[in-house]
Protein backbone atom coordinates (compact mmCIF):
# COMPACT_ATOMS: atom_id res chain seq x y z
CA MET A 1 23.43 38.17 58.20
CA ILE A 2 23.84 35.20 56.32
CA GLU A 3 20.93 35.47 53.26
CA PHE A 4 19.48 32.21 52.32
CA GLU A 5 16.95 31.49 49.24
CA TYR A 6 14.47 28.96 49.19
CA LEU A 7 13.51 26.83 46.49
CA THR A 8 9.73 26.23 45.88
CA ASP A 9 7.45 23.97 43.87
CA LYS A 10 5.16 25.10 41.34
CA ASP A 11 2.48 25.90 44.35
CA GLY A 12 4.71 28.05 45.94
CA LYS A 13 5.76 25.19 48.83
CA PRO A 14 9.28 25.60 50.01
CA LYS A 15 11.12 22.21 49.05
CA ALA A 16 14.64 22.98 49.39
CA VAL A 17 17.28 25.99 50.83
CA VAL A 18 20.32 27.55 49.04
CA ILE A 19 22.93 28.60 51.36
CA PRO A 20 26.21 30.33 50.93
CA ILE A 21 29.34 28.11 49.88
CA GLU A 22 31.06 29.30 52.27
CA VAL A 23 29.06 28.41 54.79
CA TRP A 24 28.68 24.92 53.64
CA GLN A 25 32.33 24.64 53.64
CA ARG A 26 32.35 25.21 57.26
CA ILE A 27 29.82 22.82 57.74
CA THR A 28 31.16 19.97 55.84
CA THR A 29 35.25 19.46 56.16
CA ILE A 30 35.20 16.30 53.95
CA GLU A 31 33.51 15.19 50.59
CA THR A 32 31.48 12.27 51.60
CA VAL A 33 29.07 13.47 54.53
CA SER A 34 26.00 11.61 55.93
CA GLU A 35 22.85 13.43 56.81
CA ALA A 36 23.58 13.24 60.64
CA GLU A 37 26.80 15.05 59.95
CA ILE A 38 25.46 17.38 58.05
CA SER A 39 22.73 18.25 60.48
CA ALA A 40 24.97 18.03 63.61
CA GLY A 41 27.27 20.51 61.72
CA ILE A 42 24.24 23.30 61.06
CA GLU A 43 23.58 22.82 64.70
CA ASP A 44 27.16 23.76 65.30
CA TYR A 45 26.98 26.36 63.21
CA CYS A 46 24.13 28.01 64.58
CA LEU A 47 25.22 27.38 68.23
CA ASN A 48 28.44 29.11 67.52
CA LYS A 49 26.83 31.93 65.44
CA ALA A 50 24.20 32.46 68.46
CA MET A 51 27.32 32.56 71.20
CA ASP A 52 29.06 35.17 69.18
CA GLU A 53 26.03 37.23 68.83
CA ALA A 54 25.38 36.76 72.47
CA LYS A 55 28.80 38.34 73.18
CA ASN A 56 27.65 41.46 71.56
CA SER A 57 24.16 41.92 73.27
CA PRO A 58 23.82 43.79 76.46
CA LEU A 59 23.08 41.75 79.53
CA LEU A 60 19.42 42.25 81.27
CA ASP A 61 19.06 42.17 85.23
CA ARG A 62 16.59 39.89 86.76
CA ALA A 63 13.74 42.39 86.13
CA ALA A 64 14.37 43.28 82.72
CA ALA A 65 14.74 39.51 81.78
CA LEU A 66 11.46 38.56 83.54
CA GLU A 67 9.64 41.44 81.90
CA PHE A 68 11.16 40.34 78.59
CA LEU A 69 10.11 36.97 79.07
CA GLU A 70 6.27 38.35 79.83
CA GLU A 71 5.85 40.18 76.26
């Protein structure tokens, strides 16, 4: 699991997130990156991470899936 750090202002409100450099390097492959490219990179990274985790998760049958959704 990746650990993120949150930077807060003097009132304790979150202002920024610090991510590990390894994650940043996977998201950005070039020096100058636009905000849209960063957003797309983060989305791709998160989707790939979710798909990797899903591969290791047990599949639910229809009844179990419906029961889970009702909770």
